[in-house]
N, C-alpha and C. Protein backbone atom coordinates (compact mmCIF):
# COMPACT_ATOMS: atom_id res chain seq x y z
N MET A 1 146.27 94.32 108.41
CA MET A 1 147.37 93.48 108.83
C MET A 1 148.67 94.28 108.74
N LEU A 2 149.50 94.16 109.74
CA LEU A 2 150.75 94.90 109.78
C LEU A 2 151.78 94.30 108.84
N PRO A 3 152.58 95.15 108.18
CA PRO A 3 153.62 94.64 107.29
C PRO A 3 154.66 93.84 108.08
N THR A 4 155.18 92.83 107.44
CA THR A 4 156.20 91.97 108.07
C THR A 4 157.59 92.33 107.54
N ALA A 5 158.61 91.84 108.22
CA ALA A 5 159.98 92.03 107.77
C ALA A 5 160.15 91.46 106.36
N TRP A 6 159.53 90.33 106.11
CA TRP A 6 159.61 89.70 104.80
C TRP A 6 159.07 90.63 103.71
N GLU A 7 157.96 91.31 103.99
CA GLU A 7 157.38 92.23 103.01
C GLU A 7 158.29 93.43 102.75
N PHE A 8 158.91 93.97 103.80
CA PHE A 8 159.86 95.07 103.60
C PHE A 8 161.05 94.60 102.78
N GLN A 9 161.55 93.43 103.10
CA GLN A 9 162.70 92.89 102.37
C GLN A 9 162.37 92.65 100.91
N ASN A 10 161.21 92.08 100.63
CA ASN A 10 160.82 91.83 99.24
C ASN A 10 160.67 93.12 98.45
N ARG A 11 160.07 94.13 99.07
CA ARG A 11 159.89 95.42 98.37
C ARG A 11 161.23 96.09 98.12
N LEU A 12 162.11 96.07 99.11
CA LEU A 12 163.43 96.67 98.94
C LEU A 12 164.22 95.93 97.87
N THR A 13 164.14 94.62 97.85
CA THR A 13 164.81 93.82 96.81
C THR A 13 164.27 94.19 95.43
N ALA A 14 162.97 94.37 95.31
CA ALA A 14 162.36 94.75 94.02
C ALA A 14 162.86 96.13 93.58
N ILE A 15 162.97 97.07 94.51
CA ILE A 15 163.47 98.41 94.18
C ILE A 15 164.92 98.33 93.69
N LEU A 16 165.74 97.57 94.41
CA LEU A 16 167.15 97.43 94.03
C LEU A 16 167.29 96.75 92.67
N ASN A 17 166.51 95.71 92.43
CA ASN A 17 166.55 95.01 91.13
C ASN A 17 166.10 95.94 90.00
N GLY A 18 165.06 96.74 90.25
CA GLY A 18 164.58 97.68 89.24
C GLY A 18 165.64 98.72 88.91
N ALA A 19 166.33 99.23 89.91
CA ALA A 19 167.40 100.21 89.68
C ALA A 19 168.54 99.58 88.89
N ARG A 20 168.87 98.34 89.21
CA ARG A 20 169.93 97.62 88.48
C ARG A 20 169.54 97.45 87.01
N GLN A 21 168.30 97.07 86.76
CA GLN A 21 167.83 96.86 85.39
C GLN A 21 167.82 98.16 84.60
N ARG A 22 167.61 99.29 85.26
CA ARG A 22 167.62 100.59 84.58
C ARG A 22 169.03 101.15 84.43
N GLY A 23 170.03 100.42 84.89
CA GLY A 23 171.40 100.83 84.74
C GLY A 23 171.89 101.84 85.76
N LYS A 24 171.18 101.97 86.87
CA LYS A 24 171.59 102.90 87.92
C LYS A 24 172.79 102.32 88.66
N SER A 25 173.66 103.19 89.16
CA SER A 25 174.80 102.73 89.94
C SER A 25 174.47 102.67 91.43
N TYR A 26 173.45 103.42 91.83
CA TYR A 26 173.02 103.39 93.22
C TYR A 26 171.57 103.84 93.31
N VAL A 27 170.97 103.59 94.46
CA VAL A 27 169.62 104.08 94.74
C VAL A 27 169.57 104.47 96.22
N ASP A 28 168.97 105.63 96.49
CA ASP A 28 168.79 106.10 97.86
C ASP A 28 167.38 105.73 98.31
N ILE A 29 167.30 105.04 99.43
CA ILE A 29 166.01 104.59 99.97
C ILE A 29 165.78 105.29 101.31
N GLU A 30 164.62 105.93 101.43
CA GLU A 30 164.23 106.57 102.68
C GLU A 30 163.20 105.68 103.37
N SER A 31 163.37 105.47 104.65
CA SER A 31 162.53 104.52 105.38
C SER A 31 161.05 104.84 105.30
N ASP A 32 160.68 106.13 105.37
CA ASP A 32 159.25 106.43 105.31
C ASP A 32 158.66 106.09 103.95
N ASN A 33 159.42 106.27 102.88
CA ASN A 33 158.93 105.92 101.54
C ASN A 33 158.77 104.41 101.39
N LEU A 34 159.75 103.66 101.89
CA LEU A 34 159.64 102.20 101.83
C LEU A 34 158.45 101.72 102.65
N HIS A 35 158.28 102.29 103.84
CA HIS A 35 157.17 101.88 104.70
C HIS A 35 155.83 102.17 104.01
N LYS A 36 155.70 103.32 103.36
CA LYS A 36 154.45 103.68 102.67
C LYS A 36 154.16 102.71 101.53
N GLN A 37 155.20 102.23 100.85
CA GLN A 37 154.99 101.30 99.74
C GLN A 37 154.52 99.93 100.22
N VAL A 38 154.92 99.58 101.43
CA VAL A 38 154.56 98.26 101.95
C VAL A 38 153.27 98.29 102.76
N GLY A 39 153.07 99.36 103.50
CA GLY A 39 151.87 99.46 104.33
C GLY A 39 151.67 100.89 104.76
N GLU A 40 150.50 101.19 105.24
CA GLU A 40 150.16 102.56 105.61
C GLU A 40 151.12 103.13 106.64
N PHE A 41 151.49 104.37 106.43
CA PHE A 41 152.34 105.10 107.37
C PHE A 41 152.05 106.57 107.19
N PRO A 42 151.95 107.39 108.15
CA PRO A 42 152.03 107.00 109.55
C PRO A 42 150.68 106.55 110.08
N ASN A 43 150.74 105.72 111.04
CA ASN A 43 149.54 105.33 111.78
C ASN A 43 149.97 104.82 113.15
N SER A 44 149.02 104.52 113.96
CA SER A 44 149.34 104.12 115.33
C SER A 44 150.01 102.75 115.41
N ASN A 45 149.93 101.97 114.34
CA ASN A 45 150.52 100.64 114.33
C ASN A 45 151.75 100.56 113.43
N SER A 46 152.50 101.63 113.40
CA SER A 46 153.68 101.72 112.54
C SER A 46 154.65 100.57 112.79
N ARG A 47 155.21 100.09 111.72
CA ARG A 47 156.24 99.04 111.78
C ARG A 47 157.60 99.63 111.41
N MET A 48 157.79 100.93 111.65
CA MET A 48 159.02 101.59 111.27
C MET A 48 160.26 100.92 111.86
N PRO A 49 160.27 100.48 113.11
CA PRO A 49 161.47 99.80 113.61
C PRO A 49 161.83 98.57 112.78
N VAL A 50 160.83 97.81 112.36
CA VAL A 50 161.08 96.62 111.52
C VAL A 50 161.61 97.05 110.16
N CYS A 51 161.02 98.09 109.59
CA CYS A 51 161.45 98.60 108.29
C CYS A 51 162.93 99.01 108.34
N CYS A 52 163.29 99.78 109.35
CA CYS A 52 164.68 100.25 109.49
C CYS A 52 165.63 99.09 109.73
N GLU A 53 165.20 98.12 110.52
CA GLU A 53 166.04 96.94 110.78
C GLU A 53 166.33 96.20 109.48
N VAL A 54 165.31 96.02 108.65
CA VAL A 54 165.49 95.33 107.37
C VAL A 54 166.42 96.14 106.46
N MET A 55 166.22 97.45 106.42
CA MET A 55 167.08 98.28 105.58
C MET A 55 168.54 98.16 105.99
N ARG A 56 168.81 98.17 107.28
CA ARG A 56 170.19 98.04 107.76
C ARG A 56 170.74 96.65 107.50
N ARG A 57 169.92 95.64 107.71
CA ARG A 57 170.35 94.26 107.51
C ARG A 57 170.70 93.97 106.05
N MET A 58 170.05 94.68 105.13
CA MET A 58 170.29 94.44 103.71
C MET A 58 171.47 95.24 103.15
N MET A 59 172.12 96.03 104.00
CA MET A 59 173.29 96.77 103.54
C MET A 59 174.44 95.80 103.25
N ARG A 60 175.20 96.15 102.19
CA ARG A 60 176.37 95.37 101.81
C ARG A 60 177.58 96.29 101.79
N THR A 61 178.74 95.73 101.55
CA THR A 61 179.97 96.52 101.46
C THR A 61 179.79 97.60 100.41
N GLY A 62 180.10 98.84 100.78
CA GLY A 62 179.98 99.96 99.86
C GLY A 62 178.71 100.77 100.06
N ASP A 63 177.68 100.18 100.65
CA ASP A 63 176.45 100.92 100.95
C ASP A 63 176.72 101.87 102.11
N SER A 64 175.95 102.94 102.20
CA SER A 64 176.21 103.91 103.27
C SER A 64 174.91 104.54 103.78
N VAL A 65 174.94 104.89 105.05
CA VAL A 65 173.83 105.60 105.67
C VAL A 65 174.04 107.08 105.38
N LEU A 66 173.10 107.72 104.69
CA LEU A 66 173.20 109.13 104.36
C LEU A 66 172.60 110.01 105.44
N THR A 67 171.47 109.58 106.00
CA THR A 67 170.80 110.32 107.07
C THR A 67 170.33 109.31 108.10
N GLU A 68 170.61 109.63 109.35
CA GLU A 68 170.23 108.73 110.43
C GLU A 68 169.40 109.50 111.44
N PRO A 69 168.18 109.05 111.70
CA PRO A 69 167.34 109.75 112.67
C PRO A 69 167.89 109.57 114.08
N MET A 70 167.53 110.50 114.94
CA MET A 70 168.01 110.45 116.32
C MET A 70 167.58 109.17 117.03
N SER A 71 166.41 108.68 116.70
CA SER A 71 165.90 107.48 117.37
C SER A 71 166.52 106.20 116.81
N ASP A 72 167.26 106.30 115.72
CA ASP A 72 167.91 105.16 115.05
C ASP A 72 166.92 104.29 114.29
N GLN A 73 165.63 104.50 114.47
CA GLN A 73 164.63 103.70 113.78
C GLN A 73 163.48 104.58 113.32
N GLY A 74 163.79 105.78 112.87
CA GLY A 74 162.76 106.72 112.50
C GLY A 74 162.50 106.78 111.01
N ALA A 75 161.58 107.66 110.65
CA ALA A 75 161.10 107.77 109.28
C ALA A 75 162.10 108.43 108.34
N LYS A 76 163.16 109.00 108.85
CA LYS A 76 164.10 109.72 108.00
C LYS A 76 165.43 108.99 107.81
N LEU A 77 165.45 107.69 108.02
CA LEU A 77 166.64 106.91 107.72
C LEU A 77 166.79 106.84 106.20
N ILE A 78 167.94 107.25 105.69
CA ILE A 78 168.20 107.17 104.25
C ILE A 78 169.49 106.39 104.05
N ILE A 79 169.40 105.35 103.24
CA ILE A 79 170.55 104.51 102.94
C ILE A 79 170.77 104.52 101.44
N ARG A 80 172.04 104.70 101.05
CA ARG A 80 172.42 104.59 99.63
C ARG A 80 172.92 103.17 99.39
N TYR A 81 172.20 102.45 98.54
CA TYR A 81 172.58 101.10 98.18
C TYR A 81 173.24 101.14 96.80
N LEU A 82 174.41 100.55 96.70
CA LEU A 82 175.04 100.39 95.40
C LEU A 82 174.40 99.20 94.69
N VAL A 83 174.13 99.37 93.40
CA VAL A 83 173.44 98.28 92.68
C VAL A 83 174.27 97.74 91.54
């Protein structure tokens, strides 16, 4: 079964909450790592566009895109989230 936006959002929320509990001021999330944690990647049924969309949607004031793939929805999207 393919990962859903909800699953990406829940995993990203868990990562951010874990970083906050450990006293981190920020956490850098790379789209391919998030995708691997939620579902197999790479494969022919990749949900990378959904993963990247969720990552961008969850950005808040102060968060920043560190690396942006040429396709805008690739495996090398890295976002720094302030926690």
